[in-house]
Amino acid sequence: MKWISKNKKPLILFLIIIICVAGLLDIKYEGLFFQILPKSIQTYLADIVH
């Protein structure tokens, strides 16, 4: 726990990067989050990524 309290900024930055990469991969491979979105947003994101 001491390590986490000392290194909060790098840990938070690492988690933000992981979440962003996971989101991009979800959109690219049309995962669960992508399927929850409305069709109009799905087509817009699919046009950008593909």
PDB file of N, CA and C in Angstrom:
ATOM      1  N   MET A   1       0.809  -1.199   0.000  1.00  0.00           N
ATOM      2  CA  MET A   1       0.000   0.000   0.000  1.00  0.00           C
ATOM      3  C   MET A   1       0.854   1.265   0.000  1.00  0.00           C
ATOM      4  N   LYS A   2       2.037   1.184   0.585  1.00  0.00           N
ATOM      5  CA  LYS A   2       2.904   2.364   0.590  1.00  0.00           C
ATOM      6  C   LYS A   2       3.325   2.725  -0.829  1.00  0.00           C
ATOM      7  N   TRP A   3       3.541   1.717  -1.659  1.00  0.00           N
ATOM      8  CA  TRP A   3       3.960   1.981  -3.030  1.00  0.00           C
ATOM      9  C   TRP A   3       2.881   2.748  -3.777  1.00  0.00           C
ATOM     10  N   ILE A   4       1.623   2.376  -3.570  1.00  0.00           N
ATOM     11  CA  ILE A   4       0.510   3.042  -4.245  1.00  0.00           C
ATOM     12  C   ILE A   4       0.393   4.487  -3.782  1.00  0.00           C
ATOM     13  N   SER A   5       0.539   4.726  -2.495  1.00  0.00           N
ATOM     14  CA  SER A   5       0.404   6.097  -1.997  1.00  0.00           C
ATOM     15  C   SER A   5       1.558   6.986  -2.473  1.00  0.00           C
ATOM     16  N   LYS A   6       2.723   6.408  -2.705  1.00  0.00           N
ATOM     17  CA  LYS A   6       3.868   7.181  -3.200  1.00  0.00           C
ATOM     18  C   LYS A   6       3.746   7.480  -4.688  1.00  0.00           C
ATOM     19  N   ASN A   7       3.191   6.572  -5.443  1.00  0.00           N
ATOM     20  CA  ASN A   7       3.194   6.661  -6.908  1.00  0.00           C
ATOM     21  C   ASN A   7       1.794   6.780  -7.482  1.00  0.00           C
ATOM     22  N   LYS A   8       0.990   7.686  -6.981  1.00  0.00           N
ATOM     23  CA  LYS A   8      -0.387   7.805  -7.462  1.00  0.00           C
ATOM     24  C   LYS A   8      -0.472   8.337  -8.882  1.00  0.00           C
ATOM     25  N   LYS A   9       0.305   9.356  -9.222  1.00  0.00           N
ATOM     26  CA  LYS A   9       0.201   9.946 -10.565  1.00  0.00           C
ATOM     27  C   LYS A   9       0.576   8.954 -11.663  1.00  0.00           C
ATOM     28  N   PRO A  10       1.704   8.252 -11.567  1.00  0.00           N
ATOM     29  CA  PRO A  10       2.004   7.273 -12.626  1.00  0.00           C
ATOM     30  C   PRO A  10       0.966   6.161 -12.705  1.00  0.00           C
ATOM     31  N   LEU A  11       0.430   5.756 -11.564  1.00  0.00           N
ATOM     32  CA  LEU A  11      -0.567   4.694 -11.549  1.00  0.00           C
ATOM     33  C   LEU A  11      -1.854   5.158 -12.231  1.00  0.00           C
ATOM     34  N   ILE A  12      -2.291   6.363 -11.928  1.00  0.00           N
ATOM     35  CA  ILE A  12      -3.500   6.904 -12.547  1.00  0.00           C
ATOM     36  C   ILE A  12      -3.292   7.082 -14.050  1.00  0.00           C
ATOM     37  N   LEU A  13      -2.134   7.582 -14.456  1.00  0.00           N
ATOM     38  CA  LEU A  13      -1.822   7.739 -15.871  1.00  0.00           C
ATOM     39  C   LEU A  13      -1.838   6.390 -16.581  1.00  0.00           C
ATOM     40  N   PHE A  14      -1.261   5.373 -15.952  1.00  0.00           N
ATOM     41  CA  PHE A  14      -1.241   4.025 -16.524  1.00  0.00           C
ATOM     42  C   PHE A  14      -2.656   3.483 -16.687  1.00  0.00           C
ATOM     43  N   LEU A  15      -3.506   3.683 -15.680  1.00  0.00           N
ATOM     44  CA  LEU A  15      -4.890   3.208 -15.769  1.00  0.00           C
ATOM     45  C   LEU A  15      -5.667   3.933 -16.864  1.00  0.00           C
ATOM     46  N   ILE A  16      -5.445   5.233 -17.013  1.00  0.00           N
ATOM     47  CA  ILE A  16      -6.121   5.995 -18.065  1.00  0.00           C
ATOM     48  C   ILE A  16      -5.706   5.500 -19.439  1.00  0.00           C
ATOM     49  N   ILE A  17      -4.422   5.229 -19.612  1.00  0.00           N
ATOM     50  CA  ILE A  17      -3.935   4.717 -20.900  1.00  0.00           C
ATOM     51  C   ILE A  17      -4.546   3.350 -21.192  1.00  0.00           C
ATOM     52  N   ILE A  18      -4.586   2.479 -20.198  1.00  0.00           N
ATOM     53  CA  ILE A  18      -5.167   1.137 -20.384  1.00  0.00           C
ATOM     54  C   ILE A  18      -6.643   1.235 -20.758  1.00  0.00           C
ATOM     55  N   ILE A  19      -7.388   2.116 -20.094  1.00  0.00           N
ATOM     56  CA  ILE A  19      -8.815   2.276 -20.398  1.00  0.00           C
ATOM     57  C   ILE A  19      -9.013   2.812 -21.807  1.00  0.00           C
ATOM     58  N   CYS A  20      -8.174   3.765 -22.231  1.00  0.00           N
ATOM     59  CA  CYS A  20      -8.287   4.309 -23.590  1.00  0.00           C
ATOM     60  C   CYS A  20      -7.993   3.240 -24.633  1.00  0.00           C
ATOM     61  N   VAL A  21      -6.955   2.463 -24.421  1.00  0.00           N
ATOM     62  CA  VAL A  21      -6.612   1.392 -25.362  1.00  0.00           C
ATOM     63  C   VAL A  21      -7.736   0.357 -25.407  1.00  0.00           C
ATOM     64  N   ALA A  22      -8.279   0.003 -24.249  1.00  0.00           N
ATOM     65  CA  ALA A  22      -9.379  -0.966 -24.211  1.00  0.00           C
ATOM     66  C   ALA A  22     -10.602  -0.429 -24.956  1.00  0.00           C
ATOM     67  N   GLY A  23     -10.888   0.864 -24.803  1.00  0.00           N
ATOM     68  CA  GLY A  23     -12.012   1.465 -25.516  1.00  0.00           C
ATOM     69  C   GLY A  23     -11.814   1.447 -27.022  1.00  0.00           C
ATOM     70  N   LEU A  24     -10.608   1.793 -27.457  1.00  0.00           N
ATOM     71  CA  LEU A  24     -10.324   1.773 -28.896  1.00  0.00           C
ATOM     72  C   LEU A  24     -10.416   0.360 -29.464  1.00  0.00           C
ATOM     73  N   LEU A  25      -9.900  -0.619 -28.729  1.00  0.00           N
ATOM     74  CA  LEU A  25      -9.999  -1.999 -29.199  1.00  0.00           C
ATOM     75  C   LEU A  25     -11.449  -2.479 -29.218  1.00  0.00           C
ATOM     76  N   ASP A  26     -12.251  -2.028 -28.249  1.00  0.00           N
ATOM     77  CA  ASP A  26     -13.664  -2.383 -28.225  1.00  0.00           C
ATOM     78  C   ASP A  26     -14.371  -1.835 -29.461  1.00  0.00           C
ATOM     79  N   ILE A  27     -14.063  -0.613 -29.831  1.00  0.00           N
ATOM     80  CA  ILE A  27     -14.677  -0.016 -31.027  1.00  0.00           C
ATOM     81  C   ILE A  27     -14.197  -0.738 -32.282  1.00  0.00           C
ATOM     82  N   LYS A  28     -12.892  -1.007 -32.353  1.00  0.00           N
ATOM     83  CA  LYS A  28     -12.330  -1.656 -33.540  1.00  0.00           C
ATOM     84  C   LYS A  28     -12.937  -3.040 -33.769  1.00  0.00           C
ATOM     85  N   TYR A  29     -13.072  -3.813 -32.707  1.00  0.00           N
ATOM     86  CA  TYR A  29     -13.578  -5.173 -32.838  1.00  0.00           C
ATOM     87  C   TYR A  29     -15.057  -5.299 -32.499  1.00  0.00           C
ATOM     88  N   GLU A  30     -15.746  -4.152 -32.387  1.00  0.00           N
ATOM     89  CA  GLU A  30     -17.190  -4.102 -32.147  1.00  0.00           C
ATOM     90  C   GLU A  30     -17.592  -4.954 -30.949  1.00  0.00           C
ATOM     91  N   GLY A  31     -17.011  -4.616 -29.816  1.00  0.00           N
ATOM     92  CA  GLY A  31     -17.256  -5.354 -28.577  1.00  0.00           C
ATOM     93  C   GLY A  31     -18.529  -4.937 -27.877  1.00  0.00           C
ATOM     94  N   LEU A  32     -18.612  -5.262 -26.600  1.00  0.00           N
ATOM     95  CA  LEU A  32     -19.822  -5.060 -25.821  1.00  0.00           C
ATOM     96  C   LEU A  32     -20.222  -3.590 -25.718  1.00  0.00           C
ATOM     97  N   PHE A  33     -19.286  -2.715 -25.385  1.00  0.00           N
ATOM     98  CA  PHE A  33     -19.605  -1.291 -25.275  1.00  0.00           C
ATOM     99  C   PHE A  33     -20.083  -0.740 -26.607  1.00  0.00           C
ATOM    100  N   PHE A  34     -19.446  -1.148 -27.686  1.00  0.00           N
ATOM    101  CA  PHE A  34     -19.820  -0.691 -29.028  1.00  0.00           C
ATOM    102  C   PHE A  34     -21.248  -1.109 -29.362  1.00  0.00           C
ATOM    103  N   GLN A  35     -21.639  -2.310 -28.990  1.00  0.00           N
ATOM    104  CA  GLN A  35     -22.969  -2.820 -29.305  1.00  0.00           C
ATOM    105  C   GLN A  35     -24.060  -2.133 -28.503  1.00  0.00           C
ATOM    106  N   ILE A  36     -23.712  -1.572 -27.348  1.00  0.00           N
ATOM    107  CA  ILE A  36     -24.691  -0.864 -26.517  1.00  0.00           C
ATOM    108  C   ILE A  36     -25.047   0.498 -27.121  1.00  0.00           C
ATOM    109  N   LEU A  37     -24.127   1.077 -27.877  1.00  0.00           N
ATOM    110  CA  LEU A  37     -24.333   2.407 -28.453  1.00  0.00           C
ATOM    111  C   LEU A  37     -25.457   2.398 -29.488  1.00  0.00           C
ATOM    112  N   PRO A  38     -26.117   3.535 -29.713  1.00  0.00           N
ATOM    113  CA  PRO A  38     -27.134   3.618 -30.768  1.00  0.00           C
ATOM    114  C   PRO A  38     -26.528   3.383 -32.157  1.00  0.00           C
ATOM    115  N   LYS A  39     -27.350   2.931 -33.084  1.00  0.00           N
ATOM    116  CA  LYS A  39     -26.876   2.592 -34.436  1.00  0.00           C
ATOM    117  C   LYS A  39     -26.207   3.762 -35.135  1.00  0.00           C
ATOM    118  N   SER A  40     -26.707   4.967 -34.960  1.00  0.00           N
ATOM    119  CA  SER A  40     -26.122   6.123 -35.641  1.00  0.00           C
ATOM    120  C   SER A  40     -24.690   6.365 -35.167  1.00  0.00           C
ATOM    121  N   ILE A  41     -24.460   6.210 -33.870  1.00  0.00           N
ATOM    122  CA  ILE A  41     -23.105   6.393 -33.345  1.00  0.00           C
ATOM    123  C   ILE A  41     -22.219   5.230 -33.764  1.00  0.00           C
ATOM    124  N   GLN A  42     -22.781   4.035 -33.820  1.00  0.00           N
ATOM    125  CA  GLN A  42     -22.005   2.877 -34.262  1.00  0.00           C
ATOM    126  C   GLN A  42     -21.495   3.072 -35.689  1.00  0.00           C
ATOM    127  N   THR A  43     -22.359   3.532 -36.587  1.00  0.00           N
ATOM    128  CA  THR A  43     -21.929   3.722 -37.968  1.00  0.00           C
ATOM    129  C   THR A  43     -20.883   4.831 -38.066  1.00  0.00           C
ATOM    130  N   TYR A  44     -21.043   5.894 -37.290  1.00  0.00           N
ATOM    131  CA  TYR A  44     -20.077   6.993 -37.295  1.00  0.00           C
ATOM    132  C   TYR A  44     -18.700   6.497 -36.827  1.00  0.00           C
ATOM    133  N   LEU A  45     -18.678   5.766 -35.710  1.00  0.00           N
ATOM    134  CA  LEU A  45     -17.405   5.248 -35.183  1.00  0.00           C
ATOM    135  C   LEU A  45     -16.801   4.214 -36.118  1.00  0.00           C
ATOM    136  N   ALA A  46     -17.636   3.381 -36.720  1.00  0.00           N
ATOM    137  CA  ALA A  46     -17.136   2.355 -37.640  1.00  0.00           C
ATOM    138  C   ALA A  46     -16.492   3.015 -38.862  1.00  0.00           C
ATOM    139  N   ASP A  47     -17.072   4.114 -39.339  1.00  0.00           N
ATOM    140  CA  ASP A  47     -16.483   4.820 -40.479  1.00  0.00           C
ATOM    141  C   ASP A  47     -15.125   5.420 -40.109  1.00  0.00           C
ATOM    142  N   ILE A  48     -14.987   5.909 -38.904  1.00  0.00           N
ATOM    143  CA  ILE A  48     -13.723   6.515 -38.480  1.00  0.00           C
ATOM    144  C   ILE A  48     -12.637   5.452 -38.327  1.00  0.00           C
ATOM    145  N   VAL A  49     -12.974   4.334 -37.683  1.00  0.00           N
ATOM    146  CA  VAL A  49     -11.975   3.312 -37.354  1.00  0.00           C
ATOM    147  C   VAL A  49     -11.599   2.475 -38.572  1.00  0.00           C
ATOM    148  N   HIS A  50     -12.573   2.149 -39.397  1.00  0.00           N
ATOM    149  CA  HIS A  50     -12.278   1.248 -40.537  1.00  0.00           C
ATOM    150  C   HIS A  50     -11.846   2.012 -41.699  1.00  0.00           C
TER     151      HIS A  50
END
